[in-house]
């Protein structure tokens, strides 16, 4: 039917156009929400992944009895309030437990707070470099080791006394069970683990070649370490150590008394002595090699690997006597006969008198 004829008009449905101001407000909300997500995400990423800004490698230690408050205090005091607090909060949010964090941790330059916190949650410690040298007694060794670890000196000595006899070391030989060096261990290492590690390194050092050299000299590894310990006390000059070592090997070979001044100092218990007197030479002790024949019962210090090698590879000569040079250079005058030695000794004694050294 023709609508034009009937007068009826065809109508079309139209959507009302949204007001322009409403669309602007909606877009603005979306924009602000997106911006908030970006800002929040950026802040969160910065909070989580921003690295430690220092150039050093500070370390914290968390003792076996620490609580969460102490963990926070150690983090902030060592790493700074901003970074330390961040690490603590992230550690706490991940279920941080002070007992599980027990240990020692370094932060590396640029390491993120979240990574360090995660290491602490897992108890993944940073090893410590355990160093010792210039050690004369087992008490000194235990003290030096304990200063770098959580262990106390008594724990270290107790482990030695438990483990070393089974490895063939009597108490006098304990210094021969160790070699001065730098070792990597965990701060929380037990006494047993520590002594096992250090004595195992010494066993590796004494390989078949070195043991064969010792046998050729007619000595055990402990006896070689004993001579090396005397050599180290006699001279600090590395280029003279082999020469000094051969002198004592010559005396051992001839079954002469060693007559080594450092053993007298050890017997007295005073290495600060600068002039050995006749009274000191009469000190009753198996370590006084002016009175006791042969080698002392054990080393008078923990000898270095290089000094042990100087004994094993000592160059041949026929010297039997030595005396410190009168120029106080640290070197010695050597002699093959006693008359020459006496002349050397008189010059040195005269210089001691001149310098008023008693």
Protein backbone atom coordinates (compact mmCIF):
# COMPACT_ATOMS: atom_id res chain seq x y z
CA UNK A 1 0.00 0.00 0.00
CA UNK A 2 1.23 3.47 -0.88
CA UNK A 3 1.89 5.35 2.34
CA UNK A 4 1.98 8.61 0.49
CA UNK A 5 -1.56 8.13 -0.46
CA UNK A 6 -2.87 7.22 2.92
CA UNK A 7 -0.91 10.02 4.59
CA UNK A 8 1.02 7.66 6.88
CA UNK A 9 4.74 8.19 7.21
CA UNK A 10 7.30 5.39 7.74
CA UNK A 11 9.22 5.96 10.95
CA UNK A 12 12.85 4.84 11.65
CA UNK A 13 14.23 4.08 15.15
CA UNK A 14 17.31 6.14 16.00
CA UNK A 15 19.73 5.80 18.96
CA UNK A 16 20.09 8.87 20.99
CA UNK A 17 23.57 10.38 20.72
CA UNK A 18 25.44 10.26 24.07
CA UNK A 19 26.28 13.64 25.37
CA UNK A 20 29.84 14.63 24.51
CA UNK A 21 30.63 15.49 28.13
CA UNK A 22 29.76 11.93 29.27
CA UNK A 23 32.14 10.36 26.74
CA UNK A 24 34.92 12.69 27.82
CA UNK A 25 34.44 11.74 31.45
CA UNK A 26 34.46 8.00 30.59
CA UNK A 27 37.66 8.30 28.58
CA UNK A 28 39.25 10.27 31.36
CA UNK A 29 38.43 7.54 33.92
CA UNK A 30 39.92 4.90 31.66
CA UNK A 31 43.01 7.02 31.10
CA UNK A 32 43.48 7.67 34.80
CA UNK A 33 42.99 3.99 35.61
CA UNK A 34 45.54 2.97 32.99
CA UNK A 35 47.94 5.61 34.23
CA UNK A 36 47.51 4.39 37.79
CA UNK A 37 48.30 0.83 36.69
CA UNK A 38 51.41 2.06 34.89
CA UNK A 39 52.53 4.16 37.83
CA UNK A 40 51.78 1.44 40.36
CA UNK A 41 53.47 -1.17 38.20
CA UNK A 42 56.51 1.05 37.75
CA UNK A 43 56.68 1.77 41.46
CA UNK A 44 56.31 -1.91 42.27
CA UNK A 45 59.00 -2.81 39.77
CA UNK A 46 61.25 -0.15 41.23
CA UNK A 47 60.52 -1.43 44.73
CA UNK A 48 61.22 -5.02 43.76
CA UNK A 49 64.04 -4.78 41.26
CA UNK A 50 65.99 -1.59 41.96
CA UNK A 51 69.55 -2.70 42.73
CA UNK A 52 71.83 -1.92 45.64
CA UNK A 53 73.63 1.31 44.79
CA UNK A 54 76.90 0.88 46.68
CA UNK A 55 80.23 -0.06 45.15
CA UNK A 56 81.23 -2.25 48.09
CA UNK A 57 80.01 -5.72 49.11
CA UNK A 58 78.69 -5.25 52.65
CA UNK A 59 77.92 -8.41 54.61
CA UNK A 60 75.44 -9.18 57.35
CA UNK A 61 75.53 -12.12 59.72
CA UNK A 62 72.41 -13.50 61.34
CA UNK A 63 73.20 -15.56 64.42
CA UNK A 64 71.51 -18.79 65.39
CA UNK A 65 69.52 -17.02 68.13
CA UNK A 66 68.42 -13.97 66.11
CA UNK A 67 64.76 -12.93 65.88
CA UNK A 68 63.00 -10.91 63.16
CA UNK A 69 63.67 -7.60 64.92
CA UNK A 70 67.40 -8.32 64.90
CA UNK A 71 67.25 -9.30 61.23
CA UNK A 72 65.71 -5.92 60.41
CA UNK A 73 68.23 -4.06 62.54
CA UNK A 74 71.16 -5.80 60.89
CA UNK A 75 69.81 -5.18 57.39
CA UNK A 76 69.23 -1.48 57.92
CA UNK A 77 72.47 -0.85 59.80
CA UNK A 78 74.60 -2.62 57.22
CA UNK A 79 72.84 -1.81 53.93
CA UNK A 80 71.29 1.55 54.82
CA UNK A 81 67.76 2.34 55.96
CA UNK A 82 66.16 2.54 52.50
CA UNK A 83 67.58 -0.62 50.94
CA UNK A 84 67.69 -2.56 54.20
CA UNK A 85 64.03 -1.88 55.02
CA UNK A 86 63.05 -2.87 51.49
CA UNK A 87 64.90 -6.19 51.82
CA UNK A 88 63.36 -6.82 55.21
CA UNK A 89 59.77 -6.17 54.03
CA UNK A 90 60.20 -8.38 50.98
CA UNK A 91 61.80 -11.08 53.12
CA UNK A 92 58.94 -10.88 55.64
CA UNK A 93 56.28 -10.99 52.88
CA UNK A 94 57.85 -14.19 51.57
CA UNK A 95 57.52 -15.85 54.95
CA UNK A 96 60.94 -14.91 56.25
CA UNK A 97 62.02 -16.93 59.26
CA UNK A 98 65.06 -15.79 61.27
CA UNK A 99 66.01 -19.39 62.05
CA UNK A 100 66.11 -20.26 58.34
CA UNK A 101 67.99 -17.04 57.52
CA UNK A 102 70.74 -18.00 60.00
CA UNK A 103 73.95 -17.32 58.12
CA UNK A 104 76.06 -14.70 56.40
CA UNK A 105 75.05 -12.77 53.29
CA UNK A 106 76.78 -10.25 51.02
CA UNK A 107 74.90 -7.90 48.76
CA UNK A 108 76.50 -7.46 45.37
CA UNK A 109 76.59 -4.04 43.65
CA UNK A 110 73.36 -3.79 41.65
CA UNK A 111 71.70 -6.82 43.29
CA UNK A 112 67.97 -6.29 43.72
CA UNK A 113 66.25 -6.25 47.08
CA UNK A 114 63.90 -9.04 46.03
CA UNK A 115 66.82 -11.29 45.02
CA UNK A 116 68.65 -10.79 48.31
CA UNK A 117 65.42 -11.31 50.27
CA UNK A 118 64.78 -14.53 48.38
CA UNK A 119 68.30 -15.79 49.14
CA UNK A 120 67.70 -15.13 52.81
CA UNK A 121 64.36 -16.95 52.73
CA UNK A 122 66.10 -19.97 51.22
CA UNK A 123 69.16 -19.67 53.49
CA UNK A 124 71.51 -19.43 50.49
CA UNK A 125 74.51 -17.87 52.21
CA UNK A 126 77.50 -16.12 50.68
CA UNK A 127 80.66 -18.09 51.54
CA UNK A 128 83.35 -16.33 53.57
CA UNK A 129 87.04 -16.31 52.63
CA UNK A 130 88.71 -17.87 55.64
CA UNK A 131 92.36 -16.82 55.84
CA UNK A 132 95.09 -17.65 58.31
CA UNK A 133 98.87 -17.37 58.34
CA UNK A 134 101.70 -16.57 60.75
CA UNK A 135 100.30 -18.96 63.37
CA UNK A 136 102.50 -20.45 66.10
CA UNK A 137 100.15 -22.42 68.33
CA UNK A 138 96.89 -24.33 68.07
CA UNK A 139 95.33 -21.85 70.50
CA UNK A 140 96.26 -19.01 68.12
CA UNK A 141 94.87 -20.95 65.16
CA UNK A 142 91.55 -21.64 66.91
CA UNK A 143 91.29 -17.97 67.88
CA UNK A 144 92.08 -16.74 64.37
CA UNK A 145 89.54 -19.09 62.76
CA UNK A 146 86.80 -18.24 65.25
CA UNK A 147 87.19 -14.51 64.58
CA UNK A 148 86.02 -15.13 61.03
CA UNK A 149 83.25 -17.65 61.79
CA UNK A 150 80.34 -18.20 64.15
CA UNK A 151 82.32 -20.94 65.91
CA UNK A 152 84.05 -20.30 69.20
CA UNK A 153 87.73 -21.25 69.76
CA UNK A 154 86.80 -24.08 72.11
CA UNK A 155 84.54 -25.62 69.46
CA UNK A 156 87.39 -25.55 66.95
CA UNK A 157 89.85 -27.18 69.38
CA UNK A 158 87.28 -29.79 70.44
CA UNK A 159 86.84 -30.80 66.79
CA UNK A 160 90.61 -31.08 66.37
CA UNK A 161 90.92 -33.28 69.43
CA UNK A 162 88.10 -35.50 68.18
CA UNK A 163 89.16 -35.87 64.56
CA UNK A 164 92.93 -35.47 64.23
CA UNK A 165 94.15 -38.45 66.31
CA UNK A 166 92.21 -40.78 64.00
CA UNK A 167 94.06 -39.16 61.08
CA UNK A 168 97.44 -39.99 62.61
CA UNK A 169 98.24 -36.75 64.44
CA UNK A 170 99.11 -36.72 68.12
CA UNK A 171 98.57 -33.42 69.93
CA UNK A 172 102.11 -32.17 69.36
CA UNK A 173 101.65 -32.77 65.63
CA UNK A 174 98.36 -30.88 65.32
CA UNK A 175 100.05 -27.86 63.62
CA UNK A 176 101.18 -30.19 60.83
CA UNK A 177 97.53 -30.97 60.00
CA UNK A 178 96.95 -27.50 58.54
CA UNK A 179 98.34 -25.26 55.82
CA UNK A 180 98.07 -21.45 55.92
CA UNK A 181 95.96 -20.30 53.00
CA UNK A 182 92.58 -18.83 52.10
CA UNK A 183 89.64 -21.25 52.18
CA UNK A 184 86.01 -20.76 51.17
CA UNK A 185 83.54 -21.91 53.83
CA UNK A 186 80.16 -20.90 55.20
CA UNK A 187 80.09 -18.67 58.27
CA UNK A 188 77.89 -21.26 59.99
CA UNK A 189 80.30 -24.17 59.35
CA UNK A 190 80.52 -26.65 62.23
CA UNK A 191 83.81 -27.45 63.96
CA UNK A 192 83.79 -30.95 62.50
CA UNK A 193 83.14 -29.69 58.97
CA UNK A 194 85.87 -27.08 59.30
CA UNK A 195 88.58 -29.41 60.58
CA UNK A 196 87.65 -32.01 57.96
CA UNK A 197 87.95 -29.45 55.18
CA UNK A 198 91.25 -27.96 56.33
CA UNK A 199 92.92 -31.31 57.06
CA UNK A 200 91.67 -32.67 53.72
CA UNK A 201 93.35 -29.78 51.90
CA UNK A 202 96.58 -30.66 53.72
CA UNK A 203 96.20 -34.31 52.63
CA UNK A 204 95.77 -33.22 49.00
CA UNK A 205 98.93 -31.14 49.27
CA UNK A 206 100.87 -34.21 50.41
CA UNK A 207 100.60 -35.99 47.08
CA UNK A 208 102.66 -39.00 45.99
CA UNK A 209 105.49 -36.82 44.65
CA UNK A 210 105.95 -34.92 47.91
CA UNK A 211 105.70 -38.07 49.99
CA UNK A 212 108.39 -39.66 47.83
CA UNK A 213 110.68 -36.67 48.40
CA UNK A 214 110.12 -36.92 52.16
CA UNK A 215 110.96 -40.64 52.13
CA UNK A 216 114.16 -39.87 50.23
CA UNK A 217 115.11 -37.52 53.09
CA UNK A 218 114.24 -40.23 55.60
CA UNK A 219 111.43 -38.11 57.05
CA UNK A 220 107.68 -38.30 57.53
CA UNK A 221 105.43 -35.44 56.38
CA UNK A 222 105.05 -34.33 60.02
CA UNK A 223 108.83 -34.26 60.44
CA UNK A 224 109.20 -32.22 57.26
CA UNK A 225 106.59 -29.77 58.60
CA UNK A 226 108.53 -29.63 61.88
CA UNK A 227 111.76 -28.64 60.12
CA UNK A 228 109.80 -26.16 57.97
CA UNK A 229 108.40 -24.56 61.11
CA UNK A 230 111.92 -24.02 62.49
CA UNK A 231 113.07 -22.62 59.15
CA UNK A 232 110.24 -20.06 59.16
CA UNK A 233 111.24 -18.90 62.63
CA UNK A 234 114.90 -18.66 61.65
CA UNK A 235 114.44 -16.55 58.54
CA UNK A 236 111.78 -14.47 56.84
CA UNK A 237 113.87 -14.35 53.66
CA UNK A 238 112.26 -16.71 51.20
CA UNK A 239 115.42 -16.94 49.09
CA UNK A 240 117.31 -18.25 52.14
CA UNK A 241 114.82 -20.84 53.37
CA UNK A 242 116.12 -23.72 51.27
CA UNK A 243 119.66 -23.05 52.47
CA UNK A 244 118.56 -22.99 56.13
CA UNK A 245 116.50 -26.15 55.59
CA UNK A 246 119.51 -28.02 54.18
CA UNK A 247 121.60 -27.01 57.20
CA UNK A 248 119.12 -28.69 59.53
CA UNK A 249 118.85 -31.69 57.24
CA UNK A 250 122.64 -31.97 57.40
CA UNK A 251 122.53 -31.94 61.20
CA UNK A 252 119.73 -34.52 61.28
CA UNK A 253 121.72 -36.72 58.90
CA UNK A 254 124.77 -36.54 61.18
CA UNK A 255 122.66 -37.11 64.30
CA UNK A 256 123.77 -33.75 65.69
CA UNK A 257 121.57 -31.71 67.99
CA UNK A 258 119.71 -29.10 65.98
CA UNK A 259 120.59 -26.29 68.42
CA UNK A 260 117.90 -24.08 66.91
CA UNK A 261 117.24 -20.88 68.87
CA UNK A 262 113.52 -20.72 67.90
CA UNK A 263 112.89 -24.03 69.65
CA UNK A 264 114.23 -22.50 72.87
CA UNK A 265 111.85 -19.56 72.51
CA UNK A 266 108.99 -22.00 71.92
CA UNK A 267 109.99 -24.02 75.00
CA UNK A 268 110.01 -20.83 77.10
CA UNK A 269 106.80 -19.62 75.47
CA UNK A 270 108.17 -16.20 74.47
CA UNK A 271 108.97 -15.46 70.83
CA UNK A 272 109.72 -11.82 71.60
CA UNK A 273 113.14 -12.81 73.00
CA UNK A 274 115.88 -11.16 70.95
CA UNK A 275 118.94 -12.56 72.66
CA UNK A 276 119.25 -16.16 73.83
CA UNK A 277 121.18 -16.47 77.09
CA UNK A 278 123.07 -19.43 78.58
CA UNK A 279 120.32 -19.82 81.18
CA UNK A 280 117.69 -20.08 78.46
CA UNK A 281 119.68 -22.78 76.70
CA UNK A 282 119.30 -24.94 79.81
CA UNK A 283 115.48 -24.81 79.70
CA UNK A 284 114.16 -28.29 80.36
CA UNK A 285 111.80 -29.15 77.52
CA UNK A 286 111.59 -31.71 74.71
CA UNK A 287 111.35 -28.66 72.42
CA UNK A 288 114.74 -27.29 73.52
CA UNK A 289 116.96 -28.67 70.76
CA UNK A 290 120.11 -27.54 72.58
CA UNK A 291 119.37 -30.22 75.17
CA UNK A 292 117.06 -32.75 73.48
CA UNK A 293 118.46 -34.77 70.56
CA UNK A 294 116.70 -35.05 67.21
CA UNK A 295 113.64 -33.16 66.12
CA UNK A 296 111.22 -31.62 68.62
CA UNK A 297 107.92 -33.50 69.22
CA UNK A 298 106.11 -31.45 66.58
CA UNK A 299 106.10 -28.18 64.62
CA UNK A 300 106.66 -24.93 66.51
CA UNK A 301 104.31 -23.12 64.12
CA UNK A 302 101.91 -23.88 61.27
CA UNK A 303 104.34 -23.93 58.35
CA UNK A 304 103.40 -22.64 54.91
CA UNK A 305 103.22 -24.94 51.90
CA UNK A 306 106.05 -23.00 50.22
CA UNK A 307 108.34 -23.57 53.22
CA UNK A 308 107.56 -27.29 53.25
CA UNK A 309 108.53 -27.37 49.57
CA UNK A 310 111.73 -25.47 50.43
CA UNK A 311 112.63 -28.32 52.80
CA UNK A 312 111.75 -31.02 50.28
CA UNK A 313 113.77 -29.27 47.54
CA UNK A 314 116.59 -27.90 49.71
CA UNK A 315 119.80 -27.39 47.68
CA UNK A 316 122.83 -29.43 48.69
CA UNK A 317 125.65 -27.81 50.73
CA UNK A 318 127.89 -28.79 53.65
CA UNK A 319 126.99 -26.06 56.15
CA UNK A 320 126.30 -27.09 59.75
CA UNK A 321 126.20 -23.73 61.53
CA UNK A 322 124.47 -20.42 61.03
CA UNK A 323 124.34 -17.08 62.80
CA UNK A 324 122.37 -13.94 62.08
CA UNK A 325 124.33 -11.39 60.11
CA UNK A 326 125.62 -8.49 62.12
CA UNK A 327 124.06 -6.01 59.68
CA UNK A 328 120.57 -7.10 60.89
CA UNK A 329 119.49 -7.60 57.28
CA UNK A 330 117.55 -10.74 58.22
CA UNK A 331 120.08 -12.94 56.42
CA UNK A 332 122.62 -15.32 58.00
CA UNK A 333 126.29 -16.19 57.88
CA UNK A 334 126.80 -19.92 57.29
CA UNK A 335 129.74 -22.07 58.25
CA UNK A 336 130.84 -25.66 57.71
CA UNK A 337 133.17 -25.66 60.75
CA UNK A 338 132.77 -24.50 64.33
CA UNK A 339 135.72 -22.09 64.34
CA UNK A 340 134.26 -20.06 61.47
CA UNK A 341 130.88 -20.13 63.18
CA UNK A 342 132.41 -18.78 66.41
CA UNK A 343 133.96 -15.88 64.51
CA UNK A 344 130.56 -15.12 62.91
CA UNK A 345 128.86 -15.33 66.30
CA UNK A 346 131.36 -12.95 67.93
CA UNK A 347 130.64 -10.29 65.31
CA UNK A 348 126.91 -10.64 65.86
CA UNK A 349 127.22 -10.57 69.65
CA UNK A 350 129.37 -7.45 69.43
CA UNK A 351 126.68 -5.73 67.38
CA UNK A 352 124.04 -6.75 69.92
CA UNK A 353 126.17 -5.16 72.63
CA UNK A 354 126.70 -2.03 70.58
CA UNK A 355 122.96 -1.66 70.05
CA UNK A 356 122.30 -2.44 73.71
CA UNK A 357 120.04 -5.38 72.86
CA UNK A 358 119.59 -7.76 75.77
